[in-house]
Structures are given as C-alpha cells and as structure tokens.
C-alpha cells in the first residue's frame, strides 16, 4: 500500500495568516531551501509556469546577488517581499491529520 500524498496548509510569513486554501502558485521547498513548481505532467520546474497570471513575481538580480520583486501591473520593483509572495507550503504532520 502506498502512502497518500502529503497534505499542506499555507502560512504567510509577513501577515502570520494561516489557511488551508492554496492562495496561488505556492512553490514546494526542499530541505536545502531549493524551491520548485510542478509542471502539467508532474515534472519539477525551477520557475513558476503561471507567473504571468499574478501581480507580483520574484526575480533575481545577478548584479546584486539577491532576489527582488516586480509588480507586473504597476511596473514597480522592490527588494522587500510583498505579502502576496510571503506564502509558504507547510506539510501537515501525521498528528495534525
């Protein structure tokens, strides 16, 4: 018998909000901190394939060697993570199920 897929809840690191509903395309994160998204066929992708659907996107500055955030509607960039991109996927422990 195979194990069921793990369940997740979503935690916003800026607002401290917790919810069960996926707030958007929240990436999966490996223990080492590497983030990835799942493609249509379950393949791991290093970029969000649906980023164009969201207001804020995360990019990386090679010059400054750090991430920055870009608002696709207002064309504004910032070093500060907006609350819309502060969601994390958190696995539910067996005790919580």
PDB file of N, CA and C in Angstrom:
ATOM      1  N   UNK A   1       0.848  -1.184   0.000  1.00  0.00           N
ATOM      2  CA  UNK A   1       0.000   0.000   0.000  1.00  0.00           C
ATOM      3  C   UNK A   1       0.890   1.242   0.000  1.00  0.00           C
ATOM      4  N   UNK A   2       0.611   2.169  -0.890  1.00  0.00           N
ATOM      5  CA  UNK A   2       1.428   3.377  -0.969  1.00  0.00           C
ATOM      6  C   UNK A   2       0.884   4.436  -0.027  1.00  0.00           C
ATOM      7  N   UNK A   3       1.786   5.299   0.411  1.00  0.00           N
ATOM      8  CA  UNK A   3       1.406   6.402   1.292  1.00  0.00           C
ATOM      9  C   UNK A   3       0.603   7.435   0.499  1.00  0.00           C
ATOM     10  N   UNK A   4      -0.390   8.055   1.117  1.00  0.00           N
ATOM     11  CA  UNK A   4      -1.123   9.115   0.421  1.00  0.00           C
ATOM     12  C   UNK A   4      -0.229  10.341   0.248  1.00  0.00           C
ATOM     13  N   UNK A   5      -0.580  11.175  -0.715  1.00  0.00           N
ATOM     14  CA  UNK A   5       0.162  12.421  -0.898  1.00  0.00           C
ATOM     15  C   UNK A   5       0.059  13.238   0.376  1.00  0.00           C
ATOM     16  N   UNK A   6       1.151  13.927   0.762  1.00  0.00           N
ATOM     17  CA  UNK A   6       1.084  14.724   1.986  1.00  0.00           C
ATOM     18  C   UNK A   6       0.105  15.877   1.830  1.00  0.00           C
ATOM     19  N   UNK A   7      -0.494  16.247   2.917  1.00  0.00           N
ATOM     20  CA  UNK A   7      -1.400  17.394   2.946  1.00  0.00           C
ATOM     21  C   UNK A   7      -0.593  18.619   3.357  1.00  0.00           C
ATOM     22  N   UNK A   8      -1.038  19.766   2.943  1.00  0.00           N
ATOM     23  CA  UNK A   8      -0.347  21.009   3.250  1.00  0.00           C
ATOM     24  C   UNK A   8      -1.334  22.045   3.762  1.00  0.00           C
ATOM     25  N   UNK A   9      -0.815  22.968   4.575  1.00  0.00           N
ATOM     26  CA  UNK A   9      -1.539  24.193   4.860  1.00  0.00           C
ATOM     27  C   UNK A   9      -0.624  25.325   4.417  1.00  0.00           C
ATOM     28  N   UNK A  10      -1.115  26.542   4.419  1.00  0.00           N
ATOM     29  CA  UNK A  10      -0.363  27.664   3.887  1.00  0.00           C
ATOM     30  C   UNK A  10      -0.200  28.726   4.961  1.00  0.00           C
ATOM     31  N   UNK A  11       1.039  29.210   5.110  1.00  0.00           N
ATOM     32  CA  UNK A  11       1.396  30.176   6.145  1.00  0.00           C
ATOM     33  C   UNK A  11       2.030  31.388   5.481  1.00  0.00           C
ATOM     34  N   UNK A  12       1.538  32.593   5.839  1.00  0.00           N
ATOM     35  CA  UNK A  12       2.097  33.822   5.302  1.00  0.00           C
ATOM     36  C   UNK A  12       3.107  34.362   6.309  1.00  0.00           C
ATOM     37  N   UNK A  13       4.378  34.392   5.913  1.00  0.00           N
ATOM     38  CA  UNK A  13       5.451  34.807   6.809  1.00  0.00           C
ATOM     39  C   UNK A  13       5.364  36.270   7.215  1.00  0.00           C
ATOM     40  N   UNK A  14       4.689  37.104   6.441  1.00  0.00           N
ATOM     41  CA  UNK A  14       4.592  38.529   6.773  1.00  0.00           C
ATOM     42  C   UNK A  14       3.378  38.829   7.638  1.00  0.00           C
ATOM     43  N   UNK A  15       2.235  38.273   7.280  1.00  0.00           N
ATOM     44  CA  UNK A  15       0.996  38.595   7.996  1.00  0.00           C
ATOM     45  C   UNK A  15       0.684  37.604   9.106  1.00  0.00           C
ATOM     46  N   UNK A  16       1.412  36.475   9.139  1.00  0.00           N
ATOM     47  CA  UNK A  16       1.199  35.387  10.103  1.00  0.00           C
ATOM     48  C   UNK A  16      -0.134  34.663   9.888  1.00  0.00           C
ATOM     49  N   UNK A  17      -0.775  34.897   8.754  1.00  0.00           N
ATOM     50  CA  UNK A  17      -2.048  34.252   8.432  1.00  0.00           C
ATOM     51  C   UNK A  17      -1.816  32.783   8.087  1.00  0.00           C
ATOM     52  N   UNK A  18      -2.751  31.931   8.485  1.00  0.00           N
ATOM     53  CA  UNK A  18      -2.711  30.504   8.183  1.00  0.00           C
ATOM     54  C   UNK A  18      -4.015  30.141   7.491  1.00  0.00           C
ATOM     55  N   UNK A  19      -3.930  29.335   6.427  1.00  0.00           N
ATOM     56  CA  UNK A  19      -5.146  28.903   5.745  1.00  0.00           C
ATOM     57  C   UNK A  19      -4.917  27.576   5.046  1.00  0.00           C
ATOM     58  N   UNK A  20      -6.004  26.864   4.790  1.00  0.00           N
ATOM     59  CA  UNK A  20      -5.951  25.581   4.085  1.00  0.00           C
ATOM     60  C   UNK A  20      -6.000  25.773   2.582  1.00  0.00           C
ATOM     61  N   UNK A  21      -6.670  26.824   2.101  1.00  0.00           N
ATOM     62  CA  UNK A  21      -6.816  27.059   0.661  1.00  0.00           C
ATOM     63  C   UNK A  21      -5.520  27.604   0.076  1.00  0.00           C
ATOM     64  N   UNK A  22      -5.106  27.042  -1.046  1.00  0.00           N
ATOM     65  CA  UNK A  22      -3.897  27.488  -1.732  1.00  0.00           C
ATOM     66  C   UNK A  22      -4.118  28.919  -2.224  1.00  0.00           C
ATOM     67  N   UNK A  23      -3.306  29.883  -1.770  1.00  0.00           N
ATOM     68  CA  UNK A  23      -3.504  31.282  -2.156  1.00  0.00           C
ATOM     69  C   UNK A  23      -2.998  31.612  -3.557  1.00  0.00           C
ATOM     70  N   UNK A  24      -2.454  30.668  -4.248  1.00  0.00           N
ATOM     71  CA  UNK A  24      -1.901  30.893  -5.583  1.00  0.00           C
ATOM     72  C   UNK A  24      -0.906  29.799  -5.864  1.00  0.00           C
ATOM     73  N   UNK A  25       0.029  30.058  -6.686  1.00  0.00           N
ATOM     74  CA  UNK A  25       1.013  29.042  -7.050  1.00  0.00           C
ATOM     75  C   UNK A  25       2.178  29.056  -6.067  1.00  0.00           C
ATOM     76  N   UNK A  26       1.952  28.553  -4.859  1.00  0.00           N
ATOM     77  CA  UNK A  26       2.990  28.499  -3.834  1.00  0.00           C
ATOM     78  C   UNK A  26       3.940  27.353  -4.181  1.00  0.00           C
ATOM     79  N   UNK A  27       5.259  27.636  -4.226  1.00  0.00           N
ATOM     80  CA  UNK A  27       6.191  26.574  -4.612  1.00  0.00           C
ATOM     81  C   UNK A  27       6.357  25.522  -3.524  1.00  0.00           C
ATOM     82  N   UNK A  28       6.846  24.375  -3.935  1.00  0.00           N
ATOM     83  CA  UNK A  28       7.295  23.353  -2.996  1.00  0.00           C
ATOM     84  C   UNK A  28       8.719  23.741  -2.615  1.00  0.00           C
ATOM     85  N   UNK A  29       9.155  23.327  -1.433  1.00  0.00           N
ATOM     86  CA  UNK A  29      10.505  23.670  -0.997  1.00  0.00           C
ATOM     87  C   UNK A  29      11.181  22.442  -0.412  1.00  0.00           C
ATOM     88  N   UNK A  30      12.381  22.144  -0.917  1.00  0.00           N
ATOM     89  CA  UNK A  30      13.146  21.010  -0.414  1.00  0.00           C
ATOM     90  C   UNK A  30      13.855  21.406   0.878  1.00  0.00           C
ATOM     91  N   UNK A  31      14.372  20.430   1.608  1.00  0.00           N
ATOM     92  CA  UNK A  31      15.045  20.700   2.872  1.00  0.00           C
ATOM     93  C   UNK A  31      16.184  21.699   2.733  1.00  0.00           C
ATOM     94  N   UNK A  32      16.898  21.675   1.639  1.00  0.00           N
ATOM     95  CA  UNK A  32      18.014  22.591   1.420  1.00  0.00           C
ATOM     96  C   UNK A  32      17.590  23.993   1.032  1.00  0.00           C
ATOM     97  N   UNK A  33      16.288  24.225   0.878  1.00  0.00           N
ATOM     98  CA  UNK A  33      15.782  25.539   0.523  1.00  0.00           C
ATOM     99  C   UNK A  33      15.495  25.726  -0.953  1.00  0.00           C
ATOM    100  N   UNK A  34      15.808  24.738  -1.782  1.00  0.00           N
ATOM    101  CA  UNK A  34      15.531  24.836  -3.211  1.00  0.00           C
ATOM    102  C   UNK A  34      14.028  24.804  -3.446  1.00  0.00           C
ATOM    103  N   UNK A  35      13.537  25.798  -4.194  1.00  0.00           N
ATOM    104  CA  UNK A  35      12.104  25.874  -4.497  1.00  0.00           C
ATOM    105  C   UNK A  35      11.843  25.327  -5.893  1.00  0.00           C
ATOM    106  N   UNK A  36      10.682  24.718  -6.062  1.00  0.00           N
ATOM    107  CA  UNK A  36      10.286  24.229  -7.381  1.00  0.00           C
ATOM    108  C   UNK A  36       8.769  24.213  -7.489  1.00  0.00           C
ATOM    109  N   UNK A  37       8.303  24.221  -8.723  1.00  0.00           N
ATOM    110  CA  UNK A  37       6.879  24.115  -9.030  1.00  0.00           C
ATOM    111  C   UNK A  37       6.681  22.820  -9.795  1.00  0.00           C
ATOM    112  N   UNK A  38       5.459  22.349  -9.839  1.00  0.00           N
ATOM    113  CA  UNK A  38       5.165  21.141 -10.603  1.00  0.00           C
ATOM    114  C   UNK A  38       4.555  21.524 -11.943  1.00  0.00           C
ATOM    115  N   UNK A  39       5.055  20.893 -12.998  1.00  0.00           N
ATOM    116  CA  UNK A  39       4.505  21.100 -14.323  1.00  0.00           C
ATOM    117  C   UNK A  39       3.262  20.253 -14.528  1.00  0.00           C
ATOM    118  N   UNK A  40       2.675  20.347 -15.699  1.00  0.00           N
ATOM    119  CA  UNK A  40       1.442  19.624 -16.020  1.00  0.00           C
ATOM    120  C   UNK A  40       1.574  18.120 -15.868  1.00  0.00           C
ATOM    121  N   UNK A  41       2.774  17.610 -16.080  1.00  0.00           N
ATOM    122  CA  UNK A  41       2.985  16.163 -16.039  1.00  0.00           C
ATOM    123  C   UNK A  41       3.762  15.732 -14.797  1.00  0.00           C
ATOM    124  N   UNK A  42       3.788  16.602 -13.771  1.00  0.00           N
ATOM    125  CA  UNK A  42       4.451  16.271 -12.519  1.00  0.00           C
ATOM    126  C   UNK A  42       5.943  16.535 -12.497  1.00  0.00           C
ATOM    127  N   UNK A  43       6.484  17.102 -13.567  1.00  0.00           N
ATOM    128  CA  UNK A  43       7.915  17.390 -13.603  1.00  0.00           C
ATOM    129  C   UNK A  43       8.240  18.610 -12.729  1.00  0.00           C
ATOM    130  N   UNK A  44       9.450  18.646 -12.177  1.00  0.00           N
ATOM    131  CA  UNK A  44       9.896  19.767 -11.357  1.00  0.00           C
ATOM    132  C   UNK A  44      10.357  20.904 -12.265  1.00  0.00           C
ATOM    133  N   UNK A  45       9.880  22.112 -11.988  1.00  0.00           N
ATOM    134  CA  UNK A  45      10.253  23.297 -12.755  1.00  0.00           C
ATOM    135  C   UNK A  45      10.916  24.291 -11.813  1.00  0.00           C
ATOM    136  N   UNK A  46      11.969  24.981 -12.276  1.00  0.00           N
ATOM    137  CA  UNK A  46      12.641  25.946 -11.410  1.00  0.00           C
ATOM    138  C   UNK A  46      12.034  27.343 -11.487  1.00  0.00           C
ATOM    139  N   UNK A  47      11.043  27.540 -12.353  1.00  0.00           N
ATOM    140  CA  UNK A  47      10.325  28.808 -12.434  1.00  0.00           C
ATOM    141  C   UNK A  47       8.832  28.533 -12.446  1.00  0.00           C
ATOM    142  N   UNK A  48       8.085  29.466 -11.917  1.00  0.00           N
ATOM    143  CA  UNK A  48       6.635  29.332 -11.856  1.00  0.00           C
ATOM    144  C   UNK A  48       6.053  29.447 -13.267  1.00  0.00           C
ATOM    145  N   UNK A  49       5.445  28.386 -13.800  1.00  0.00           N
ATOM    146  CA  UNK A  49       4.916  28.444 -15.160  1.00  0.00           C
ATOM    147  C   UNK A  49       3.693  29.350 -15.283  1.00  0.00           C
ATOM    148  N   UNK A  50       3.111  29.733 -14.152  1.00  0.00           N
ATOM    149  CA  UNK A  50       1.920  30.596 -14.192  1.00  0.00           C
ATOM    150  C   UNK A  50       2.206  31.996 -13.662  1.00  0.00           C
ATOM    151  N   UNK A  51       3.472  32.400 -13.574  1.00  0.00           N
ATOM    152  CA  UNK A  51       3.838  33.700 -13.007  1.00  0.00           C
ATOM    153  C   UNK A  51       3.132  34.856 -13.711  1.00  0.00           C
ATOM    154  N   UNK A  52       2.915  34.718 -15.006  1.00  0.00           N
ATOM    155  CA  UNK A  52       2.272  35.795 -15.766  1.00  0.00           C
ATOM    156  C   UNK A  52       0.839  36.066 -15.300  1.00  0.00           C
ATOM    157  N   UNK A  53       0.248  35.148 -14.549  1.00  0.00           N
ATOM    158  CA  UNK A  53      -1.126  35.322 -14.065  1.00  0.00           C
ATOM    159  C   UNK A  53      -1.199  36.134 -12.776  1.00  0.00           C
ATOM    160  N   UNK A  54      -0.069  36.371 -12.135  1.00  0.00           N
ATOM    161  CA  UNK A  54      -0.056  37.022 -10.830  1.00  0.00           C
ATOM    162  C   UNK A  54       0.491  38.438 -10.924  1.00  0.00           C
ATOM    163  N   UNK A  55       0.088  39.289  -9.978  1.00  0.00           N
ATOM    164  CA  UNK A  55       0.525  40.676  -9.965  1.00  0.00           C
ATOM    165  C   UNK A  55       2.013  40.786  -9.659  1.00  0.00           C
ATOM    166  N   UNK A  56       2.448  40.118  -8.598  1.00  0.00           N
ATOM    167  CA  UNK A  56       3.851  40.172  -8.181  1.00  0.00           C
ATOM    168  C   UNK A  56       4.597  38.928  -8.637  1.00  0.00           C
ATOM    169  N   UNK A  57       5.833  39.105  -9.086  1.00  0.00           N
ATOM    170  CA  UNK A  57       6.703  37.981  -9.415  1.00  0.00           C
ATOM    171  C   UNK A  57       8.061  38.201  -8.750  1.00  0.00           C
ATOM    172  N   UNK A  58       8.713  37.093  -8.428  1.00  0.00           N
ATOM    173  CA  UNK A  58      10.051  37.159  -7.843  1.00  0.00           C
ATOM    174  C   UNK A  58      11.073  36.928  -8.947  1.00  0.00           C
ATOM    175  N   UNK A  59      12.089  37.778  -8.985  1.00  0.00           N
ATOM    176  CA  UNK A  59      13.186  37.645  -9.942  1.00  0.00           C
ATOM    177  C   UNK A  59      14.496  37.683  -9.163  1.00  0.00           C
ATOM    178  N   UNK A  60      15.600  37.526  -9.873  1.00  0.00           N
ATOM    179  CA  UNK A  60      16.900  37.528  -9.209  1.00  0.00           C
ATOM    180  C   UNK A  60      17.829  38.511  -9.904  1.00  0.00           C
ATOM    181  N   UNK A  61      18.507  39.347  -9.104  1.00  0.00           N
ATOM    182  CA  UNK A  61      19.476  40.299  -9.633  1.00  0.00           C
ATOM    183  C   UNK A  61      20.869  39.686  -9.544  1.00  0.00           C
ATOM    184  N   UNK A  62      21.462  39.372 -10.698  1.00  0.00           N
ATOM    185  CA  UNK A  62      22.832  38.855 -10.710  1.00  0.00           C
ATOM    186  C   UNK A  62      23.806  39.921 -10.206  1.00  0.00           C
ATOM    187  N   UNK A  63      23.523  41.173 -10.547  1.00  0.00           N
ATOM    188  CA  UNK A  63      24.400  42.279 -10.136  1.00  0.00           C
ATOM    189  C   UNK A  63      24.455  42.412  -8.610  1.00  0.00           C
ATOM    190  N   UNK A  64      23.292  42.326  -7.961  1.00  0.00           N
ATOM    191  CA  UNK A  64      23.226  42.489  -6.503  1.00  0.00           C
ATOM    192  C   UNK A  64      23.225  41.153  -5.754  1.00  0.00           C
ATOM    193  N   UNK A  65      23.162  40.063  -6.507  1.00  0.00           N
ATOM    194  CA  UNK A  65      23.176  38.706  -5.950  1.00  0.00           C
ATOM    195  C   UNK A  65      22.099  38.495  -4.884  1.00  0.00           C
ATOM    196  N   UNK A  66      20.896  38.909  -5.234  1.00  0.00           N
ATOM    197  CA  UNK A  66      19.762  38.728  -4.323  1.00  0.00           C
ATOM    198  C   UNK A  66      18.452  38.820  -5.096  1.00  0.00           C
ATOM    199  N   UNK A  67      17.379  38.273  -4.523  1.00  0.00           N
ATOM    200  CA  UNK A  67      16.084  38.365  -5.209  1.00  0.00           C
ATOM    201  C   UNK A  67      15.487  39.769  -5.091  1.00  0.00           C
ATOM    202  N   UNK A  68      14.671  40.112  -6.062  1.00  0.00           N
ATOM    203  CA  UNK A  68      13.862  41.327  -5.989  1.00  0.00           C
ATOM    204  C   UNK A  68      12.471  40.967  -6.477  1.00  0.00           C
ATOM    205  N   UNK A  69      11.530  41.885  -6.278  1.00  0.00           N
ATOM    206  CA  UNK A  69      10.129  41.604  -6.561  1.00  0.00           C
ATOM    207  C   UNK A  69       9.592  42.673  -7.497  1.00  0.00           C
ATOM    208  N   UNK A  70       8.831  42.219  -8.493  1.00  0.00           N
ATOM    209  CA  UNK A  70       8.358  43.098  -9.555  1.00  0.00           C
ATOM    210  C   UNK A  70       6.846  42.990  -9.676  1.00  0.00           C
ATOM    211  N   UNK A  71       6.181  44.153  -9.681  1.00  0.00           N
ATOM    212  CA  UNK A  71       4.736  44.209  -9.848  1.00  0.00           C
ATOM    213  C   UNK A  71       4.452  44.377 -11.339  1.00  0.00           C
ATOM    214  N   UNK A  72       3.834  43.368 -11.947  1.00  0.00           N
ATOM    215  CA  UNK A  72       3.610  43.369 -13.393  1.00  0.00           C
ATOM    216  C   UNK A  72       2.559  44.380 -13.836  1.00  0.00           C
ATOM    217  N   UNK A  73       1.720  44.843 -12.904  1.00  0.00           N
ATOM    218  CA  UNK A  73       0.705  45.834 -13.266  1.00  0.00           C
ATOM    219  C   UNK A  73       1.243  47.253 -13.162  1.00  0.00           C
ATOM    220  N   UNK A  74       1.905  47.563 -12.030  1.00  0.00           N
ATOM    221  CA  UNK A  74       2.386  48.930 -11.805  1.00  0.00           C
ATOM    222  C   UNK A  74       3.797  49.156 -12.329  1.00  0.00           C
ATOM    223  N   UNK A  75       4.505  48.070 -12.671  1.00  0.00           N
ATOM    224  CA  UNK A  75       5.895  48.119 -13.158  1.00  0.00           C
ATOM    225  C   UNK A  75       6.871  48.580 -12.069  1.00  0.00           C
ATOM    226  N   UNK A  76       6.507  48.440 -10.813  1.00  0.00           N
ATOM    227  CA  UNK A  76       7.350  48.826  -9.681  1.00  0.00           C
ATOM    228  C   UNK A  76       8.171  47.626  -9.224  1.00  0.00           C
ATOM    229  N   UNK A  77       9.449  47.874  -8.886  1.00  0.00           N
ATOM    230  CA  UNK A  77      10.328  46.841  -8.333  1.00  0.00           C
ATOM    231  C   UNK A  77      10.661  47.198  -6.891  1.00  0.00           C
ATOM    232  N   UNK A  78      10.886  46.182  -6.070  1.00  0.00           N
ATOM    233  CA  UNK A  78      11.259  46.405  -4.674  1.00  0.00           C
ATOM    234  C   UNK A  78      12.116  45.247  -4.184  1.00  0.00           C
ATOM    235  N   UNK A  79      12.963  45.527  -3.197  1.00  0.00           N
ATOM    236  CA  UNK A  79      13.756  44.471  -2.562  1.00  0.00           C
ATOM    237  C   UNK A  79      12.934  43.774  -1.490  1.00  0.00           C
ATOM    238  N   UNK A  80      11.892  44.441  -0.995  1.00  0.00           N
ATOM    239  CA  UNK A  80      11.063  43.901   0.084  1.00  0.00           C
ATOM    240  C   UNK A  80      10.017  42.939  -0.470  1.00  0.00           C
ATOM    241  N   UNK A  81       9.915  41.763   0.134  1.00  0.00           N
ATOM    242  CA  UNK A  81       8.939  40.762  -0.308  1.00  0.00           C
ATOM    243  C   UNK A  81       7.522  41.269  -0.015  1.00  0.00           C
ATOM    244  N   UNK A  82       6.652  41.350  -1.028  1.00  0.00           N
ATOM    245  CA  UNK A  82       5.267  41.755  -0.779  1.00  0.00           C
ATOM    246  C   UNK A  82       4.498  40.617  -0.098  1.00  0.00           C
ATOM    247  N   UNK A  83       3.478  40.941   0.692  1.00  0.00           N
ATOM    248  CA  UNK A  83       2.705  39.890   1.371  1.00  0.00           C
ATOM    249  C   UNK A  83       2.156  38.827   0.422  1.00  0.00           C
ATOM    250  N   UNK A  84       1.821  39.206  -0.808  1.00  0.00           N
ATOM    251  CA  UNK A  84       1.297  38.232  -1.778  1.00  0.00           C
ATOM    252  C   UNK A  84       2.285  37.101  -2.060  1.00  0.00           C
ATOM    253  N   UNK A  85       3.583  37.363  -1.883  1.00  0.00           N
ATOM    254  CA  UNK A  85       4.606  36.353  -2.171  1.00  0.00           C
ATOM    255  C   UNK A  85       5.234  35.777  -0.905  1.00  0.00           C
ATOM    256  N   UNK A  86       4.613  36.002   0.235  1.00  0.00           N
ATOM    257  CA  UNK A  86       5.177  35.530   1.507  1.00  0.00           C
ATOM    258  C   UNK A  86       4.554  34.220   1.974  1.00  0.00           C
ATOM    259  N   UNK A  87       3.780  33.574   1.124  1.00  0.00           N
ATOM    260  CA  UNK A  87       3.135  32.308   1.496  1.00  0.00           C
ATOM    261  C   UNK A  87       4.115  31.154   1.396  1.00  0.00           C
ATOM    262  N   UNK A  88       4.029  30.235   2.351  1.00  0.00           N
ATOM    263  CA  UNK A  88       4.822  29.004   2.329  1.00  0.00           C
ATOM    264  C   UNK A  88       3.897  27.816   2.438  1.00  0.00           C
ATOM    265  N   UNK A  89       4.243  26.762   1.748  1.00  0.00           N
ATOM    266  CA  UNK A  89       3.521  25.485   1.807  1.00  0.00           C
ATOM    267  C   UNK A  89       4.127  24.705   2.971  1.00  0.00           C
ATOM    268  N   UNK A  90       3.308  24.350   3.963  1.00  0.00           N
ATOM    269  CA  UNK A  90       3.795  23.654   5.157  1.00  0.00           C
ATOM    270  C   UNK A  90       3.140  22.279   5.230  1.00  0.00           C
ATOM    271  N   UNK A  91       3.938  21.210   5.279  1.00  0.00           N
ATOM    272  CA  UNK A  91       3.344  19.869   5.378  1.00  0.00           C
ATOM    273  C   UNK A  91       2.646  19.683   6.721  1.00  0.00           C
ATOM    274  N   UNK A  92       1.515  19.016   6.677  1.00  0.00           N
ATOM    275  CA  UNK A  92       0.771  18.699   7.896  1.00  0.00           C
ATOM    276  C   UNK A  92       1.365  17.423   8.474  1.00  0.00           C
ATOM    277  N   UNK A  93       1.661  17.433   9.764  1.00  0.00           N
ATOM    278  CA  UNK A  93       2.216  16.231  10.394  1.00  0.00           C
ATOM    279  C   UNK A  93       1.111  15.199  10.587  1.00  0.00           C
ATOM    280  N   UNK A  94       1.503  13.962  10.780  1.00  0.00           N
ATOM    281  CA  UNK A  94       0.526  12.885  10.992  1.00  0.00           C
ATOM    282  C   UNK A  94      -0.361  13.182  12.203  1.00  0.00           C
ATOM    283  N   UNK A  95       0.207  13.822  13.220  1.00  0.00           N
ATOM    284  CA  UNK A  95      -0.569  14.149  14.415  1.00  0.00           C
ATOM    285  C   UNK A  95      -1.670  15.166  14.116  1.00  0.00           C
ATOM    286  N   UNK A  96      -1.428  16.037  13.124  1.00  0.00           N
ATOM    287  CA  UNK A  96      -2.403  17.065  12.771  1.00  0.00           C
ATOM    288  C   UNK A  96      -3.502  16.538  11.859  1.00  0.00           C
ATOM    289  N   UNK A  97      -3.309  15.356  11.279  1.00  0.00           N
ATOM    290  CA  UNK A  97      -4.287  14.816  10.325  1.00  0.00           C
ATOM    291  C   UNK A  97      -5.445  14.164  11.040  1.00  0.00           C
TER     292      UNK A  97
END
